[in-house]
Amino acid sequence: MTWPTNKASNQYTDSGQDRIADARAEINQNITNVNAIIDEFNISSPSDGDILQYSSSSGQWEQVSTTDISVAAGALLGVGAGEQLVTGNTFRKELSETFDPNSILTTSTYTFSLLAGNYIFEVNTTAFDEEESASIYNETDDTGLGSIASYNEIGTTGEGIYRGILGITITSTKSLSIRKTGATPTNRNQVFTIKIMKV
């Protein structure tokens, strides 16, 4: 569909002495324009709060319920002190769903699942003693996705800030885990929270 751009003239309609017969072309142009505008939209029985969204498949603007709009959704994933040995000094961390109003993740004791989409993971900034880095692991495909948090010492105090942010794209539902590798249990057992945003 194409939005009309050819405006009709009011040359023969703006004066009481104008003859309707002379305005025939302008009247026809206005009818053509109105029909093109009507064809540009696919609207039936709109509800309060509906919006218009263009569909390239139909070539029309269509009404969409606000409940069908894709918006950023978030959840909080708790990482606990418990752990499960994977191999050597690598462990899956204990997990808990602490806040998930949009139901974007499913958790078990040591894994969580996400649907296809783009995600941002951000670790809450927390002060800890010496701490091993944490990473996200794709259990479904048996591959690492990157570091989610690292330890940055403050001066020479032995305490530092644990922080990190990571963006990933998931093409289908995946089972994931949070992993740490380190020989010392005290450097693996700190508790923190990861904010997950689906964008």
Protein backbone atom coordinates (compact mmCIF):
# COMPACT_ATOMS: atom_id res chain seq x y z
CA MET A 1 0.00 0.00 0.00
CA THR A 2 1.12 3.57 -0.59
CA TRP A 3 0.13 6.60 1.41
CA PRO A 4 -1.48 9.20 -0.92
CA THR A 5 0.69 12.22 -1.69
CA ASN A 6 -1.23 13.81 -4.61
CA LYS A 7 -3.38 16.50 -2.99
CA ALA A 8 -6.55 17.74 -4.65
CA SER A 9 -6.81 21.42 -5.54
CA ASN A 10 -9.51 23.68 -4.10
CA GLN A 11 -9.42 25.88 -7.17
CA TYR A 12 -13.06 25.10 -8.02
CA THR A 13 -14.43 24.59 -4.50
CA ASP A 14 -13.43 27.70 -2.50
CA SER A 15 -15.90 30.16 -3.89
CA GLY A 16 -19.69 30.34 -3.95
CA GLN A 17 -19.60 30.98 -7.70
CA ASP A 18 -17.58 27.79 -8.46
CA ARG A 19 -19.32 25.14 -10.54
CA ILE A 20 -19.35 21.60 -9.17
CA ALA A 21 -18.74 20.26 -12.66
CA ASP A 22 -15.39 22.09 -12.77
CA ALA A 23 -14.33 20.41 -9.50
CA ARG A 24 -14.94 16.87 -10.78
CA ALA A 25 -11.21 16.03 -11.02
CA GLU A 26 -10.50 17.32 -7.48
CA ILE A 27 -13.50 15.42 -6.03
CA ASN A 28 -12.29 12.23 -7.71
CA GLN A 29 -8.75 12.83 -6.38
CA ASN A 30 -10.08 13.16 -2.83
CA ILE A 31 -12.10 9.94 -3.17
CA THR A 32 -8.95 8.17 -4.46
CA ASN A 33 -6.90 9.55 -1.55
CA VAL A 34 -9.45 8.52 1.10
CA ASN A 35 -9.67 5.00 -0.37
CA ALA A 36 -5.86 4.72 -0.30
CA ILE A 37 -5.82 5.78 3.36
CA ILE A 38 -8.51 3.22 4.23
CA ASP A 39 -6.51 0.49 2.44
CA GLU A 40 -3.41 1.46 4.41
CA PHE A 41 -4.98 0.28 7.69
CA ASN A 42 -6.33 -3.04 8.93
CA ILE A 43 -8.38 -2.04 11.96
CA SER A 44 -11.40 -3.83 13.37
CA SER A 45 -12.94 -3.49 16.83
CA PRO A 46 -9.97 -1.75 18.51
CA SER A 47 -9.66 -2.03 22.28
CA ASP A 48 -8.46 0.55 24.76
CA GLY A 49 -4.67 0.78 24.68
CA ASP A 50 -4.17 -0.90 21.27
CA ILE A 51 -1.43 0.55 19.08
CA LEU A 52 -0.73 0.54 15.34
CA GLN A 53 2.18 -1.49 14.01
CA TYR A 54 3.26 -1.80 10.38
CA SER A 55 3.31 -5.31 8.89
CA SER A 56 5.57 -5.79 5.88
CA SER A 57 3.81 -9.06 5.05
CA SER A 58 0.38 -7.44 4.62
CA GLY A 59 1.63 -3.98 3.66
CA GLN A 60 -0.77 -2.43 6.17
CA TRP A 61 -0.81 -0.79 9.56
CA GLU A 62 -2.46 -3.25 11.94
CA GLN A 63 -3.80 -2.92 15.47
CA VAL A 64 -1.79 -4.68 18.14
CA SER A 65 -2.81 -5.29 21.72
CA THR A 66 -0.38 -3.93 24.30
CA THR A 67 -0.15 -7.48 25.71
CA ASP A 68 1.46 -8.58 22.40
CA ILE A 69 4.13 -5.88 22.32
CA SER A 70 7.70 -7.09 22.76
CA VAL A 71 9.28 -5.13 25.59
CA ALA A 72 12.34 -5.65 27.71
CA ALA A 73 11.73 -8.22 30.44
CA GLY A 74 13.94 -8.85 33.42
CA ALA A 75 14.66 -11.36 36.15
CA LEU A 76 17.03 -11.77 39.09
CA LEU A 77 19.00 -14.99 39.44
CA GLY A 78 20.52 -15.79 42.79
CA VAL A 79 23.90 -17.54 42.89
CA GLY A 80 24.41 -19.41 46.15
CA ALA A 81 27.36 -20.90 48.01
CA GLY A 82 26.48 -24.49 47.09
CA GLU A 83 28.22 -26.10 44.14
CA GLN A 84 28.39 -29.22 41.98
CA LEU A 85 31.70 -30.57 40.67
CA VAL A 86 31.99 -30.69 36.87
CA THR A 87 35.63 -31.69 36.45
CA GLY A 88 38.95 -30.85 38.06
CA ASN A 89 38.50 -27.53 39.89
CA THR A 90 35.43 -26.43 37.87
CA PHE A 91 32.05 -26.29 39.61
CA ARG A 92 28.47 -25.42 38.71
CA LYS A 93 27.08 -22.92 41.20
CA GLU A 94 23.84 -23.37 43.13
CA LEU A 95 21.04 -21.19 41.69
CA SER A 96 17.73 -19.74 42.81
CA GLU A 97 15.15 -17.62 41.03
CA THR A 98 14.68 -14.54 43.17
CA PHE A 99 12.49 -12.38 40.90
CA ASP A 100 10.97 -13.20 37.50
CA PRO A 101 7.68 -11.36 36.84
CA ASN A 102 7.81 -12.05 33.08
CA SER A 103 8.71 -15.76 33.37
CA ILE A 104 11.80 -15.53 31.17
CA LEU A 105 13.77 -18.25 32.95
CA THR A 106 13.30 -21.63 34.56
CA THR A 107 15.70 -22.73 37.29
CA SER A 108 16.79 -26.00 38.82
CA THR A 109 19.43 -26.49 41.50
CA TYR A 110 22.46 -25.94 39.25
CA THR A 111 21.06 -24.90 35.85
CA PHE A 112 18.61 -22.42 34.38
CA SER A 113 16.84 -22.32 31.00
CA LEU A 114 16.22 -19.35 28.71
CA LEU A 115 14.12 -19.13 25.54
CA ALA A 116 15.52 -17.81 22.26
CA GLY A 117 16.36 -14.12 22.39
CA ASN A 118 18.93 -11.45 23.19
CA TYR A 119 20.00 -11.19 26.83
CA ILE A 120 22.12 -8.93 28.99
CA PHE A 121 23.60 -10.37 32.19
CA GLU A 122 24.82 -8.00 34.87
CA VAL A 123 26.27 -8.96 38.24
CA ASN A 124 25.39 -6.80 41.20
CA THR A 125 28.46 -4.91 42.37
CA THR A 126 29.53 -6.51 45.63
CA ALA A 127 32.57 -6.29 47.88
CA PHE A 128 34.23 -9.65 48.63
CA ASP A 129 37.50 -11.09 49.75
CA GLU A 130 39.48 -12.94 47.07
CA GLU A 131 37.01 -14.36 44.55
CA GLU A 132 37.23 -16.57 41.45
CA SER A 133 35.73 -15.31 38.18
CA ALA A 134 32.32 -16.63 37.17
CA SER A 135 31.26 -17.58 33.64
CA ILE A 136 28.10 -18.63 31.83
CA TYR A 137 28.16 -22.10 30.32
CA ASN A 138 25.80 -23.48 27.67
CA GLU A 139 25.00 -26.95 29.00
CA THR A 140 22.86 -27.83 25.97
CA ASP A 141 25.67 -27.29 23.45
CA ASP A 142 28.58 -27.94 25.84
CA THR A 143 30.25 -24.59 25.24
CA GLY A 144 31.30 -21.55 27.25
CA LEU A 145 29.55 -18.24 26.58
CA GLY A 146 31.92 -15.90 28.39
CA SER A 147 32.84 -14.37 31.72
CA ILE A 148 30.00 -12.84 33.70
CA ALA A 149 31.96 -11.53 36.69
CA SER A 150 35.52 -10.88 37.74
CA TYR A 151 37.24 -9.77 40.92
CA ASN A 152 38.95 -6.38 41.05
CA GLU A 153 40.97 -5.78 44.22
CA ILE A 154 40.68 -2.40 45.94
CA GLY A 155 44.22 -1.28 46.68
CA THR A 156 46.07 -3.90 48.72
CA THR A 157 43.30 -4.63 51.22
CA GLY A 158 42.54 -8.16 49.99
CA GLU A 159 38.97 -7.07 49.37
CA GLY A 160 37.61 -6.07 46.01
CA ILE A 161 34.60 -5.43 43.84
CA TYR A 162 32.96 -8.36 42.07
CA ARG A 163 31.34 -7.10 38.88
CA GLY A 164 30.64 -7.85 35.24
CA ILE A 165 28.28 -7.52 32.31
CA LEU A 166 27.78 -9.80 29.30
CA GLY A 167 25.45 -9.81 26.29
CA ILE A 168 24.53 -13.01 24.47
CA THR A 169 22.12 -14.19 21.78
CA ILE A 170 20.34 -17.52 22.18
CA THR A 171 18.80 -19.01 19.02
CA SER A 172 16.66 -21.66 20.75
CA THR A 173 15.87 -22.77 24.29
CA LYS A 174 19.11 -23.55 26.14
CA SER A 175 20.05 -24.96 29.51
CA LEU A 176 22.76 -22.79 31.10
CA SER A 177 24.83 -22.76 34.26
CA ILE A 178 27.06 -20.40 36.21
CA ARG A 179 30.52 -21.90 36.63
CA LYS A 180 33.60 -21.12 38.69
CA THR A 181 37.03 -22.66 38.45
CA GLY A 182 39.34 -22.53 41.44
CA ALA A 183 41.17 -24.81 43.85
CA THR A 184 40.13 -22.95 47.02
CA PRO A 185 36.49 -23.40 48.13
CA THR A 186 36.48 -20.07 50.01
CA ASN A 187 37.15 -18.29 46.71
CA ARG A 188 34.15 -19.99 45.07
CA ASN A 189 31.38 -19.79 47.67
CA GLN A 190 30.38 -16.11 47.81
CA VAL A 191 26.69 -15.33 47.27
CA PHE A 192 25.60 -12.74 44.69
CA THR A 193 22.78 -11.88 42.27
CA ILE A 194 22.71 -11.64 38.48
CA LYS A 195 20.27 -9.33 36.74
CA ILE A 196 19.06 -10.86 33.43
CA MET A 197 17.42 -8.58 30.85
CA LYS A 198 15.71 -9.95 27.73
CA VAL A 199 15.87 -7.19 25.11
